[in-house]
Amino acid sequence: QVQLVESGGGFVQAGGSLRLSCVASGSIFSGYTMAWYRQAPGKQRDLVATITSAGRTNYADSVKGRFTISRDNAKNTVYLQMNNVNPEDTAIYYCNRPSSLYEQYGWGQGTQVTVSS
């Protein structure tokens, strides 16, 4: 049974930075593309960024140039560095495998990011 545990969220002012982490336990992590998603209040969960097993990355237009996804396969961990955040980035952030490629794991609890203007 795979467990995803996200952390690193919090309150931050517009223009600030946060680094999110997601640890995946109970899986062969290194061979899979991983992704970060976010869900704002009253909205659907959206894909934010992906990273392949080889480290190739892709980003939603709304975060391109501000967010950076990375991974440490030895630690079964994927990161999301968030820079120059704005209030529209306020959401609960989750990690998982991309639904377009794989059957997804059960969702973790996510980590709340709140950006004040």
PDB file of N, CA and C in Angstrom:
ATOM      1  N   GLN A   1       0.844  -1.179   0.000  1.00  0.00           N
ATOM      2  CA  GLN A   1       0.000   0.000   0.000  1.00  0.00           C
ATOM      3  C   GLN A   1       0.891   1.244   0.000  1.00  0.00           C
ATOM      4  N   VAL A   2       0.752   2.067  -1.049  1.00  0.00           N
ATOM      5  CA  VAL A   2       1.563   3.270  -1.159  1.00  0.00           C
ATOM      6  C   VAL A   2       0.930   4.388  -0.349  1.00  0.00           C
ATOM      7  N   GLN A   3       1.767   5.091   0.376  1.00  0.00           N
ATOM      8  CA  GLN A   3       1.312   6.276   1.115  1.00  0.00           C
ATOM      9  C   GLN A   3       2.066   7.498   0.618  1.00  0.00           C
ATOM     10  N   LEU A   4       1.336   8.578   0.381  1.00  0.00           N
ATOM     11  CA  LEU A   4       1.913   9.852  -0.030  1.00  0.00           C
ATOM     12  C   LEU A   4       1.725  10.842   1.109  1.00  0.00           C
ATOM     13  N   VAL A   5       2.820  11.461   1.532  1.00  0.00           N
ATOM     14  CA  VAL A   5       2.761  12.415   2.628  1.00  0.00           C
ATOM     15  C   VAL A   5       3.382  13.727   2.169  1.00  0.00           C
ATOM     16  N   GLU A   6       2.523  14.748   2.047  1.00  0.00           N
ATOM     17  CA  GLU A   6       2.967  16.066   1.619  1.00  0.00           C
ATOM     18  C   GLU A   6       3.228  16.954   2.829  1.00  0.00           C
ATOM     19  N   SER A   7       4.181  17.871   2.708  1.00  0.00           N
ATOM     20  CA  SER A   7       4.493  18.800   3.786  1.00  0.00           C
ATOM     21  C   SER A   7       5.141  20.051   3.213  1.00  0.00           C
ATOM     22  N   GLY A   8       5.286  21.057   4.065  1.00  0.00           N
ATOM     23  CA  GLY A   8       5.990  22.267   3.668  1.00  0.00           C
ATOM     24  C   GLY A   8       5.116  23.466   3.387  1.00  0.00           C
ATOM     25  N   GLY A   9       3.802  23.273   3.395  1.00  0.00           N
ATOM     26  CA  GLY A   9       2.909  24.394   3.138  1.00  0.00           C
ATOM     27  C   GLY A   9       2.872  25.368   4.295  1.00  0.00           C
ATOM     28  N   GLY A  10       2.131  26.453   4.114  1.00  0.00           N
ATOM     29  CA  GLY A  10       2.002  27.453   5.164  1.00  0.00           C
ATOM     30  C   GLY A  10       1.475  28.756   4.619  1.00  0.00           C
ATOM     31  N   PHE A  11       1.604  29.788   5.415  1.00  0.00           N
ATOM     32  CA  PHE A  11       1.200  31.134   5.034  1.00  0.00           C
ATOM     33  C   PHE A  11       2.416  31.897   4.507  1.00  0.00           C
ATOM     34  N   VAL A  12       2.227  32.604   3.412  1.00  0.00           N
ATOM     35  CA  VAL A  12       3.330  33.355   2.830  1.00  0.00           C
ATOM     36  C   VAL A  12       2.759  34.592   2.151  1.00  0.00           C
ATOM     37  N   GLN A  13       3.517  35.647   2.165  1.00  0.00           N
ATOM     38  CA  GLN A  13       3.079  36.868   1.484  1.00  0.00           C
ATOM     39  C   GLN A  13       3.370  36.776  -0.014  1.00  0.00           C
ATOM     40  N   ALA A  14       2.605  37.498  -0.785  1.00  0.00           N
ATOM     41  CA  ALA A  14       2.842  37.546  -2.228  1.00  0.00           C
ATOM     42  C   ALA A  14       4.285  37.948  -2.494  1.00  0.00           C
ATOM     43  N   GLY A  15       4.893  37.248  -3.431  1.00  0.00           N
ATOM     44  CA  GLY A  15       6.293  37.481  -3.752  1.00  0.00           C
ATOM     45  C   GLY A  15       7.252  36.592  -3.003  1.00  0.00           C
ATOM     46  N   GLY A  16       6.741  35.879  -2.012  1.00  0.00           N
ATOM     47  CA  GLY A  16       7.581  35.012  -1.203  1.00  0.00           C
ATOM     48  C   GLY A  16       7.790  33.640  -1.820  1.00  0.00           C
ATOM     49  N   SER A  17       8.398  32.747  -1.022  1.00  0.00           N
ATOM     50  CA  SER A  17       8.755  31.405  -1.501  1.00  0.00           C
ATOM     51  C   SER A  17       8.382  30.346  -0.472  1.00  0.00           C
ATOM     52  N   LEU A  18       8.121  29.152  -0.984  1.00  0.00           N
ATOM     53  CA  LEU A  18       7.903  27.970  -0.165  1.00  0.00           C
ATOM     54  C   LEU A  18       8.505  26.771  -0.893  1.00  0.00           C
ATOM     55  N   ARG A  19       8.887  25.763  -0.125  1.00  0.00           N
ATOM     56  CA  ARG A  19       9.341  24.504  -0.713  1.00  0.00           C
ATOM     57  C   ARG A  19       8.497  23.374  -0.159  1.00  0.00           C
ATOM     58  N   LEU A  20       7.781  22.715  -1.029  1.00  0.00           N
ATOM     59  CA  LEU A  20       6.939  21.593  -0.648  1.00  0.00           C
ATOM     60  C   LEU A  20       7.699  20.282  -0.860  1.00  0.00           C
ATOM     61  N   SER A  21       7.375  19.301  -0.018  1.00  0.00           N
ATOM     62  CA  SER A  21       7.968  17.970  -0.134  1.00  0.00           C
ATOM     63  C   SER A  21       6.868  16.925  -0.147  1.00  0.00           C
ATOM     64  N   CYS A  22       7.134  15.819  -0.816  1.00  0.00           N
ATOM     65  CA  CYS A  22       6.207  14.689  -0.841  1.00  0.00           C
ATOM     66  C   CYS A  22       7.027  13.407  -0.765  1.00  0.00           C
ATOM     67  N   VAL A  23       6.783  12.638   0.264  1.00  0.00           N
ATOM     68  CA  VAL A  23       7.459  11.357   0.434  1.00  0.00           C
ATOM     69  C   VAL A  23       6.500  10.239   0.067  1.00  0.00           C
ATOM     70  N   ALA A  24       6.955   9.339  -0.785  1.00  0.00           N
ATOM     71  CA  ALA A  24       6.157   8.182  -1.197  1.00  0.00           C
ATOM     72  C   ALA A  24       6.737   6.932  -0.574  1.00  0.00           C
ATOM     73  N   SER A  25       5.959   6.282   0.250  1.00  0.00           N
ATOM     74  CA  SER A  25       6.438   5.066   0.894  1.00  0.00           C
ATOM     75  C   SER A  25       5.744   3.861   0.280  1.00  0.00           C
ATOM     76  N   GLY A  26       6.436   2.731   0.299  1.00  0.00           N
ATOM     77  CA  GLY A  26       5.813   1.499  -0.145  1.00  0.00           C
ATOM     78  C   GLY A  26       5.723   1.344  -1.641  1.00  0.00           C
ATOM     79  N   SER A  27       6.576   2.012  -2.389  1.00  0.00           N
ATOM     80  CA  SER A  27       6.514   1.869  -3.842  1.00  0.00           C
ATOM     81  C   SER A  27       7.909   1.912  -4.436  1.00  0.00           C
ATOM     82  N   ILE A  28       8.003   1.460  -5.688  1.00  0.00           N
ATOM     83  CA  ILE A  28       9.233   1.642  -6.440  1.00  0.00           C
ATOM     84  C   ILE A  28       9.139   3.016  -7.074  1.00  0.00           C
ATOM     85  N   PHE A  29       9.724   3.983  -6.429  1.00  0.00           N
ATOM     86  CA  PHE A  29       9.506   5.386  -6.779  1.00  0.00           C
ATOM     87  C   PHE A  29      10.274   5.805  -8.011  1.00  0.00           C
ATOM     88  N   SER A  30      11.487   5.338  -8.144  1.00  0.00           N
ATOM     89  CA  SER A  30      12.411   5.926  -9.099  1.00  0.00           C
ATOM     90  C   SER A  30      11.997   5.744 -10.552  1.00  0.00           C
ATOM     91  N   GLY A  31      11.200   4.733 -10.854  1.00  0.00           N
ATOM     92  CA  GLY A  31      10.880   4.448 -12.238  1.00  0.00           C
ATOM     93  C   GLY A  31       9.678   5.188 -12.784  1.00  0.00           C
ATOM     94  N   TYR A  32       9.033   5.980 -11.968  1.00  0.00           N
ATOM     95  CA  TYR A  32       7.781   6.605 -12.357  1.00  0.00           C
ATOM     96  C   TYR A  32       7.888   8.113 -12.480  1.00  0.00           C
ATOM     97  N   THR A  33       7.165   8.662 -13.449  1.00  0.00           N
ATOM     98  CA  THR A  33       6.917  10.089 -13.469  1.00  0.00           C
ATOM     99  C   THR A  33       6.047  10.447 -12.277  1.00  0.00           C
ATOM    100  N   MET A  34       6.379  11.574 -11.651  1.00  0.00           N
ATOM    101  CA  MET A  34       5.585  12.066 -10.527  1.00  0.00           C
ATOM    102  C   MET A  34       5.081  13.469 -10.835  1.00  0.00           C
ATOM    103  N   ALA A  35       4.066  13.879 -10.118  1.00  0.00           N
ATOM    104  CA  ALA A  35       3.428  15.165 -10.403  1.00  0.00           C
ATOM    105  C   ALA A  35       2.993  15.852  -9.125  1.00  0.00           C
ATOM    106  N   TRP A  36       2.885  17.149  -9.210  1.00  0.00           N
ATOM    107  CA  TRP A  36       2.222  17.959  -8.188  1.00  0.00           C
ATOM    108  C   TRP A  36       0.899  18.473  -8.765  1.00  0.00           C
ATOM    109  N   TYR A  37      -0.124  18.424  -7.942  1.00  0.00           N
ATOM    110  CA  TYR A  37      -1.440  18.952  -8.276  1.00  0.00           C
ATOM    111  C   TYR A  37      -1.812  19.988  -7.214  1.00  0.00           C
ATOM    112  N   ARG A  38      -2.825  20.802  -7.526  1.00  0.00           N
ATOM    113  CA  ARG A  38      -3.361  21.701  -6.512  1.00  0.00           C
ATOM    114  C   ARG A  38      -4.861  21.854  -6.707  1.00  0.00           C
ATOM    115  N   GLN A  39      -5.523  22.109  -5.576  1.00  0.00           N
ATOM    116  CA  GLN A  39      -6.969  22.292  -5.599  1.00  0.00           C
ATOM    117  C   GLN A  39      -7.322  23.503  -4.763  1.00  0.00           C
ATOM    118  N   ALA A  40      -7.823  24.525  -5.424  1.00  0.00           N
ATOM    119  CA  ALA A  40      -8.282  25.733  -4.739  1.00  0.00           C
ATOM    120  C   ALA A  40      -9.717  25.522  -4.270  1.00  0.00           C
ATOM    121  N   PRO A  41     -10.171  26.283  -3.289  1.00  0.00           N
ATOM    122  CA  PRO A  41     -11.534  26.116  -2.766  1.00  0.00           C
ATOM    123  C   PRO A  41     -12.574  26.241  -3.876  1.00  0.00           C
ATOM    124  N   GLY A  42     -13.465  25.257  -3.950  1.00  0.00           N
ATOM    125  CA  GLY A  42     -14.546  25.288  -4.925  1.00  0.00           C
ATOM    126  C   GLY A  42     -14.136  24.975  -6.343  1.00  0.00           C
ATOM    127  N   LYS A  43     -12.885  24.552  -6.554  1.00  0.00           N
ATOM    128  CA  LYS A  43     -12.400  24.279  -7.906  1.00  0.00           C
ATOM    129  C   LYS A  43     -11.920  22.849  -8.020  1.00  0.00           C
ATOM    130  N   GLN A  44     -11.717  22.389  -9.233  1.00  0.00           N
ATOM    131  CA  GLN A  44     -11.220  21.039  -9.457  1.00  0.00           C
ATOM    132  C   GLN A  44      -9.721  20.986  -9.174  1.00  0.00           C
ATOM    133  N   ARG A  45      -9.249  19.764  -9.006  1.00  0.00           N
ATOM    134  CA  ARG A  45      -7.824  19.556  -8.797  1.00  0.00           C
ATOM    135  C   ARG A  45      -7.101  19.675 -10.136  1.00  0.00           C
ATOM    136  N   ASP A  46      -6.096  20.519 -10.202  1.00  0.00           N
ATOM    137  CA  ASP A  46      -5.378  20.784 -11.442  1.00  0.00           C
ATOM    138  C   ASP A  46      -3.929  20.319 -11.362  1.00  0.00           C
ATOM    139  N   LEU A  47      -3.407  19.912 -12.496  1.00  0.00           N
ATOM    140  CA  LEU A  47      -2.017  19.511 -12.600  1.00  0.00           C
ATOM    141  C   LEU A  47      -1.131  20.754 -12.621  1.00  0.00           C
ATOM    142  N   VAL A  48      -0.084  20.747 -11.808  1.00  0.00           N
ATOM    143  CA  VAL A  48       0.821  21.894 -11.702  1.00  0.00           C
ATOM    144  C   VAL A  48       2.143  21.618 -12.412  1.00  0.00           C
ATOM    145  N   ALA A  49       2.729  20.445 -12.161  1.00  0.00           N
ATOM    146  CA  ALA A  49       4.046  20.137 -12.723  1.00  0.00           C
ATOM    147  C   ALA A  49       4.265  18.640 -12.709  1.00  0.00           C
ATOM    148  N   THR A  50       5.095  18.176 -13.642  1.00  0.00           N
ATOM    149  CA  THR A  50       5.475  16.765 -13.688  1.00  0.00           C
ATOM    150  C   THR A  50       6.985  16.646 -13.828  1.00  0.00           C
ATOM    151  N   ILE A  51       7.499  15.495 -13.389  1.00  0.00           N
ATOM    152  CA  ILE A  51       8.922  15.200 -13.558  1.00  0.00           C
ATOM    153  C   ILE A  51       9.067  13.716 -13.868  1.00  0.00           C
ATOM    154  N   THR A  52       9.774  13.400 -14.940  1.00  0.00           N
ATOM    155  CA  THR A  52       9.976  12.010 -15.321  1.00  0.00           C
ATOM    156  C   THR A  52      11.059  11.373 -14.451  1.00  0.00           C
ATOM    157  N   SER A  53      11.204  10.075 -14.603  1.00  0.00           N
ATOM    158  CA  SER A  53      12.240   9.376 -13.848  1.00  0.00           C
ATOM    159  C   SER A  53      13.626   9.881 -14.215  1.00  0.00           C
ATOM    160  N   ALA A  54      13.765  10.409 -15.433  1.00  0.00           N
ATOM    161  CA  ALA A  54      15.056  10.936 -15.886  1.00  0.00           C
ATOM    162  C   ALA A  54      15.249  12.410 -15.541  1.00  0.00           C
ATOM    163  N   GLY A  55      14.225  13.021 -14.945  1.00  0.00           N
ATOM    164  CA  GLY A  55      14.354  14.407 -14.526  1.00  0.00           C
ATOM    165  C   GLY A  55      13.819  15.436 -15.502  1.00  0.00           C
ATOM    166  N   ARG A  56      13.137  14.982 -16.547  1.00  0.00           N
ATOM    167  CA  ARG A  56      12.547  15.935 -17.495  1.00  0.00           C
ATOM    168  C   ARG A  56      11.292  16.522 -16.858  1.00  0.00           C
ATOM    169  N   THR A  57      11.140  17.844 -16.957  1.00  0.00           N
ATOM    170  CA  THR A  57      10.053  18.526 -16.258  1.00  0.00           C
ATOM    171  C   THR A  57       9.086  19.203 -17.226  1.00  0.00           C
ATOM    172  N   ASN A  58       7.864  19.423 -16.726  1.00  0.00           N
ATOM    173  CA  ASN A  58       6.853  20.138 -17.487  1.00  0.00           C
ATOM    174  C   ASN A  58       5.976  20.890 -16.495  1.00  0.00           C
ATOM    175  N   TYR A  59       5.477  22.075 -16.907  1.00  0.00           N
ATOM    176  CA  TYR A  59       4.752  22.935 -15.983  1.00  0.00           C
ATOM    177  C   TYR A  59       3.486  23.484 -16.613  1.00  0.00           C
ATOM    178  N   ALA A  60       2.499  23.720 -15.764  1.00  0.00           N
ATOM    179  CA  ALA A  60       1.333  24.468 -16.200  1.00  0.00           C
ATOM    180  C   ALA A  60       1.768  25.897 -16.516  1.00  0.00           C
ATOM    181  N   ASP A  61       1.090  26.509 -17.477  1.00  0.00           N
ATOM    182  CA  ASP A  61       1.466  27.868 -17.873  1.00  0.00           C
ATOM    183  C   ASP A  61       1.412  28.847 -16.697  1.00  0.00           C
ATOM    184  N   SER A  62       0.491  28.615 -15.797  1.00  0.00           N
ATOM    185  CA  SER A  62       0.289  29.554 -14.683  1.00  0.00           C
ATOM    186  C   SER A  62       1.458  29.587 -13.703  1.00  0.00           C
ATOM    187  N   VAL A  63       2.303  28.561 -13.715  1.00  0.00           N
ATOM    188  CA  VAL A  63       3.421  28.511 -12.762  1.00  0.00           C
ATOM    189  C   VAL A  63       4.783  28.496 -13.446  1.00  0.00           C
ATOM    190  N   LYS A  64       4.778  28.440 -14.760  1.00  0.00           N
ATOM    191  CA  LYS A  64       6.027  28.350 -15.505  1.00  0.00           C
ATOM    192  C   LYS A  64       6.908  29.555 -15.198  1.00  0.00           C
ATOM    193  N   GLY A  65       8.175  29.275 -14.910  1.00  0.00           N
ATOM    194  CA  GLY A  65       9.119  30.342 -14.580  1.00  0.00           C
ATOM    195  C   GLY A  65       9.135  30.723 -13.106  1.00  0.00           C
ATOM    196  N   ARG A  66       8.172  30.208 -12.331  1.00  0.00           N
ATOM    197  CA  ARG A  66       8.113  30.526 -10.901  1.00  0.00           C
ATOM    198  C   ARG A  66       8.293  29.279 -10.033  1.00  0.00           C
ATOM    199  N   PHE A  67       7.787  28.150 -10.484  1.00  0.00           N
ATOM    200  CA  PHE A  67       7.863  26.904  -9.706  1.00  0.00           C
ATOM    201  C   PHE A  67       8.893  25.973 -10.349  1.00  0.00           C
ATOM    202  N   THR A  68       9.533  25.157  -9.505  1.00  0.00           N
ATOM    203  CA  THR A  68      10.477  24.158  -9.988  1.00  0.00           C
ATOM    204  C   THR A  68      10.211  22.841  -9.290  1.00  0.00           C
ATOM    205  N   ILE A  69       9.971  21.799 -10.073  1.00  0.00           N
ATOM    206  CA  ILE A  69       9.782  20.455  -9.537  1.00  0.00           C
ATOM    207  C   ILE A  69      11.107  19.710  -9.621  1.00  0.00           C
ATOM    208  N   SER A  70      11.399  18.934  -8.590  1.00  0.00           N
ATOM    209  CA  SER A  70      12.621  18.124  -8.567  1.00  0.00           C
ATOM    210  C   SER A  70      12.345  16.852  -7.777  1.00  0.00           C
ATOM    211  N   ARG A  71      13.283  15.926  -7.810  1.00  0.00           N
ATOM    212  CA  ARG A  71      13.092  14.677  -7.090  1.00  0.00           C
ATOM    213  C   ARG A  71      14.418  14.143  -6.578  1.00  0.00           C
ATOM    214  N   ASP A  72      14.329  13.363  -5.507  1.00  0.00           N
ATOM    215  CA  ASP A  72      15.469  12.638  -4.953  1.00  0.00           C
ATOM    216  C   ASP A  72      15.027  11.185  -4.849  1.00  0.00           C
ATOM    217  N   ASN A  73      15.427  10.367  -5.816  1.00  0.00           N
ATOM    218  CA  ASN A  73      14.970   8.985  -5.856  1.00  0.00           C
ATOM    219  C   ASN A  73      15.463   8.187  -4.653  1.00  0.00           C
ATOM    220  N   ALA A  74      16.625   8.507  -4.153  1.00  0.00           N
ATOM    221  CA  ALA A  74      17.161   7.781  -3.002  1.00  0.00           C
ATOM    222  C   ALA A  74      16.294   7.995  -1.762  1.00  0.00           C
ATOM    223  N   LYS A  75      15.592   9.122  -1.717  1.00  0.00           N
ATOM    224  CA  LYS A  75      14.738   9.448  -0.568  1.00  0.00           C
ATOM    225  C   LYS A  75      13.258   9.262  -0.883  1.00  0.00           C
ATOM    226  N   ASN A  76      12.950   8.754  -2.080  1.00  0.00           N
ATOM    227  CA  ASN A  76      11.543   8.605  -2.486  1.00  0.00           C
ATOM    228  C   ASN A  76      10.764   9.903  -2.300  1.00  0.00           C
ATOM    229  N   THR A  77      11.381  11.005  -2.662  1.00  0.00           N
ATOM    230  CA  THR A  77      10.805  12.317  -2.390  1.00  0.00           C
ATOM    231  C   THR A  77      10.779  13.172  -3.654  1.00  0.00           C
ATOM    232  N   VAL A  78       9.671  13.887  -3.830  1.00  0.00           N
ATOM    233  CA  VAL A  78       9.550  14.871  -4.894  1.00  0.00           C
ATOM    234  C   VAL A  78       9.292  16.224  -4.237  1.00  0.00           C
ATOM    235  N   TYR A  79       9.880  17.259  -4.808  1.00  0.00           N
ATOM    236  CA  TYR A  79       9.812  18.603  -4.244  1.00  0.00           C
ATOM    237  C   TYR A  79       9.123  19.567  -5.215  1.00  0.00           C
ATOM    238  N   LEU A  80       8.604  20.646  -4.654  1.00  0.00           N
ATOM    239  CA  LEU A  80       8.101  21.743  -5.464  1.00  0.00           C
ATOM    240  C   LEU A  80       8.593  23.046  -4.843  1.00  0.00           C
ATOM    241  N   GLN A  81       9.531  23.678  -5.495  1.00  0.00           N
ATOM    242  CA  GLN A  81      10.009  24.988  -5.069  1.00  0.00           C
ATOM    243  C   GLN A  81       9.102  26.040  -5.690  1.00  0.00           C
ATOM    244  N   MET A  82       8.483  26.841  -4.837  1.00  0.00           N
ATOM    245  CA  MET A  82       7.533  27.863  -5.270  1.00  0.00           C
ATOM    246  C   MET A  82       8.139  29.233  -5.002  1.00  0.00           C
ATOM    247  N   ASN A  83       8.403  29.979  -6.045  1.00  0.00           N
ATOM    248  CA  ASN A  83       8.961  31.329  -5.907  1.00  0.00           C
ATOM    249  C   ASN A  83       7.988  32.353  -6.464  1.00  0.00           C
ATOM    250  N   ASN A  84       8.122  33.583  -5.982  1.00  0.00           N
ATOM    251  CA  ASN A  84       7.290  34.684  -6.464  1.00  0.00           C
ATOM    252  C   ASN A  84       5.808  34.294  -6.480  1.00  0.00           C
ATOM    253  N   VAL A  85       5.349  33.758  -5.356  1.00  0.00           N
ATOM    254  CA  VAL A  85       3.962  33.285  -5.298  1.00  0.00           C
ATOM    255  C   VAL A  85       2.998  34.477  -5.318  1.00  0.00           C
ATOM    256  N   ASN A  86       1.767  34.206  -5.708  1.00  0.00           N
ATOM    257  CA  ASN A  86       0.713  35.210  -5.707  1.00  0.00           C
ATOM    258  C   ASN A  86      -0.555  34.587  -5.122  1.00  0.00           C
ATOM    259  N   PRO A  87      -1.562  35.402  -4.792  1.00  0.00           N
ATOM    260  CA  PRO A  87      -2.762  34.863  -4.133  1.00  0.00           C
ATOM    261  C   PRO A  87      -3.453  33.762  -4.925  1.00  0.00           C
ATOM    262  N   GLU A  88      -3.303  33.757  -6.248  1.00  0.00           N
ATOM    263  CA  GLU A  88      -3.923  32.716  -7.073  1.00  0.00           C
ATOM    264  C   GLU A  88      -3.270  31.346  -6.863  1.00  0.00           C
ATOM    265  N   ASP A  89      -2.130  31.309  -6.195  1.00  0.00           N
ATOM    266  CA  ASP A  89      -1.479  30.038  -5.876  1.00  0.00           C
ATOM    267  C   ASP A  89      -2.041  29.402  -4.604  1.00  0.00           C
ATOM    268  N   THR A  90      -2.925  30.093  -3.920  1.00  0.00           N
ATOM    269  CA  THR A  90      -3.542  29.546  -2.717  1.00  0.00           C
ATOM    270  C   THR A  90      -4.348  28.302  -3.049  1.00  0.00           C
ATOM    271  N   ALA A  91      -4.005  27.191  -2.396  1.00  0.00           N
ATOM    272  CA  ALA A  91      -4.645  25.908  -2.686  1.00  0.00           C
ATOM    273  C   ALA A  91      -4.071  24.849  -1.751  1.00  0.00           C
ATOM    274  N   ILE A  92      -4.694  23.675  -1.783  1.00  0.00           N
ATOM    275  CA  ILE A  92      -4.088  22.502  -1.170  1.00  0.00           C
ATOM    276  C   ILE A  92      -3.280  21.804  -2.257  1.00  0.00           C
ATOM    277  N   TYR A  93      -2.043  21.497  -1.954  1.00  0.00           N
ATOM    278  CA  TYR A  93      -1.130  20.892  -2.922  1.00  0.00           C
ATOM    279  C   TYR A  93      -0.948  19.408  -2.603  1.00  0.00           C
ATOM    280  N   TYR A  94      -1.032  18.609  -3.650  1.00  0.00           N
ATOM    281  CA  TYR A  94      -0.921  17.158  -3.541  1.00  0.00           C
ATOM    282  C   TYR A  94       0.111  16.637  -4.533  1.00  0.00           C
ATOM    283  N   CYS A  95       0.709  15.511  -4.216  1.00  0.00           N
ATOM    284  CA  CYS A  95       1.530  14.818  -5.210  1.00  0.00           C
ATOM    285  C   CYS A  95       0.877  13.487  -5.547  1.00  0.00           C
ATOM    286  N   ASN A  96       1.193  12.973  -6.718  1.00  0.00           N
ATOM    287  CA  ASN A  96       0.705  11.668  -7.152  1.00  0.00           C
ATOM    288  C   ASN A  96       1.351  11.349  -8.492  1.00  0.00           C
ATOM    289  N   ARG A  97       1.070  10.191  -9.015  1.00  0.00           N
ATOM    290  CA  ARG A  97       1.477   9.868 -10.378  1.00  0.00           C
ATOM    291  C   ARG A  97       0.465  10.521 -11.320  1.00  0.00           C
ATOM    292  N   PRO A  98       0.901  10.940 -12.485  1.00  0.00           N
ATOM    293  CA  PRO A  98      -0.040  11.577 -13.425  1.00  0.00           C
ATOM    294  C   PRO A  98      -1.094  10.583 -13.907  1.00  0.00           C
ATOM    295  N   SER A  99      -2.344  10.991 -13.882  1.00  0.00           N
ATOM    296  CA  SER A  99      -3.441  10.114 -14.295  1.00  0.00           C
ATOM    297  C   SER A  99      -3.382   9.789 -15.780  1.00  0.00           C
ATOM    298  N   SER A 100      -2.708  10.637 -16.556  1.00  0.00           N
ATOM    299  CA  SER A 100      -2.603  10.395 -17.995  1.00  0.00           C
ATOM    300  C   SER A 100      -1.659   9.240 -18.315  1.00  0.00           C
ATOM    301  N   LEU A 101      -0.838   8.856 -17.338  1.00  0.00           N
ATOM    302  CA  LEU A 101       0.169   7.812 -17.576  1.00  0.00           C
ATOM    303  C   LEU A 101      -0.089   6.533 -16.790  1.00  0.00           C
ATOM    304  N   TYR A 102      -0.628   6.678 -15.580  1.00  0.00           N
ATOM    305  CA  TYR A 102      -0.730   5.539 -14.676  1.00  0.00           C
ATOM    306  C   TYR A 102      -2.037   5.568 -13.898  1.00  0.00           C
ATOM    307  N   GLU A 103      -2.353   4.420 -13.337  1.00  0.00           N
ATOM    308  CA  GLU A 103      -3.362   4.408 -12.282  1.00  0.00           C
ATOM    309  C   GLU A 103      -2.753   5.128 -11.073  1.00  0.00           C
ATOM    310  N   GLN A 104      -3.529   6.039 -10.511  1.00  0.00           N
ATOM    311  CA  GLN A 104      -2.983   6.843  -9.439  1.00  0.00           C
ATOM    312  C   GLN A 104      -3.032   6.130  -8.099  1.00  0.00           C
ATOM    313  N   TYR A 105      -2.116   6.545  -7.219  1.00  0.00           N
ATOM    314  CA  TYR A 105      -2.156   6.087  -5.839  1.00  0.00           C
ATOM    315  C   TYR A 105      -3.320   6.769  -5.117  1.00  0.00           C
ATOM    316  N   GLY A 106      -3.638   6.272  -3.927  1.00  0.00           N
ATOM    317  CA  GLY A 106      -4.584   6.989  -3.085  1.00  0.00           C
ATOM    318  C   GLY A 106      -3.997   8.349  -2.710  1.00  0.00           C
ATOM    319  N   TRP A 107      -4.851   9.356  -2.635  1.00  0.00           N
ATOM    320  CA  TRP A 107      -4.376  10.707  -2.360  1.00  0.00           C
ATOM    321  C   TRP A 107      -3.968  10.858  -0.888  1.00  0.00           C
ATOM    322  N   GLY A 108      -2.907  11.611  -0.683  1.00  0.00           N
ATOM    323  CA  GLY A 108      -2.523  11.980   0.669  1.00  0.00           C
ATOM    324  C   GLY A 108      -3.403  13.106   1.189  1.00  0.00           C
ATOM    325  N   GLN A 109      -3.005  13.643   2.338  1.00  0.00           N
ATOM    326  CA  GLN A 109      -3.817  14.704   2.943  1.00  0.00           C
ATOM    327  C   GLN A 109      -3.548  16.063   2.308  1.00  0.00           C
ATOM    328  N   GLY A 110      -2.477  16.161   1.548  1.00  0.00           N
ATOM    329  CA  GLY A 110      -2.113  17.424   0.936  1.00  0.00           C
ATOM    330  C   GLY A 110      -1.480  18.376   1.940  1.00  0.00           C
ATOM    331  N   THR A 111      -1.004  19.498   1.419  1.00  0.00           N
ATOM    332  CA  THR A 111      -0.434  20.538   2.264  1.00  0.00           C
ATOM    333  C   THR A 111      -0.994  21.889   1.809  1.00  0.00           C
ATOM    334  N   GLN A 112      -1.507  22.643   2.758  1.00  0.00           N
ATOM    335  CA  GLN A 112      -2.185  23.902   2.451  1.00  0.00           C
ATOM    336  C   GLN A 112      -1.174  25.019   2.232  1.00  0.00           C
ATOM    337  N   VAL A 113      -1.336  25.721   1.129  1.00  0.00           N
ATOM    338  CA  VAL A 113      -0.549  26.920   0.848  1.00  0.00           C
ATOM    339  C   VAL A 113      -1.513  28.098   0.777  1.00  0.00           C
ATOM    340  N   THR A 114      -1.247  29.119   1.571  1.00  0.00           N
ATOM    341  CA  THR A 114      -2.076  30.318   1.579  1.00  0.00           C
ATOM    342  C   THR A 114      -1.186  31.527   1.327  1.00  0.00           C
ATOM    343  N   VAL A 115      -1.512  32.269   0.275  1.00  0.00           N
ATOM    344  CA  VAL A 115      -0.723  33.434  -0.107  1.00  0.00           C
ATOM    345  C   VAL A 115      -1.555  34.692   0.126  1.00  0.00           C
ATOM    346  N   SER A 116      -1.019  35.592   0.921  1.00  0.00           N
ATOM    347  CA  SER A 116      -1.717  36.851   1.195  1.00  0.00           C
ATOM    348  C   SER A 116      -1.169  37.957   0.300  1.00  0.00           C
ATOM    349  N   SER A 117      -2.064  38.858  -0.049  1.00  0.00           N
ATOM    350  CA  SER A 117      -1.647  39.958  -0.938  1.00  0.00           C
ATOM    351  C   SER A 117      -1.071  41.123  -0.160  1.00  0.00           C
TER     352      SER A 117
END
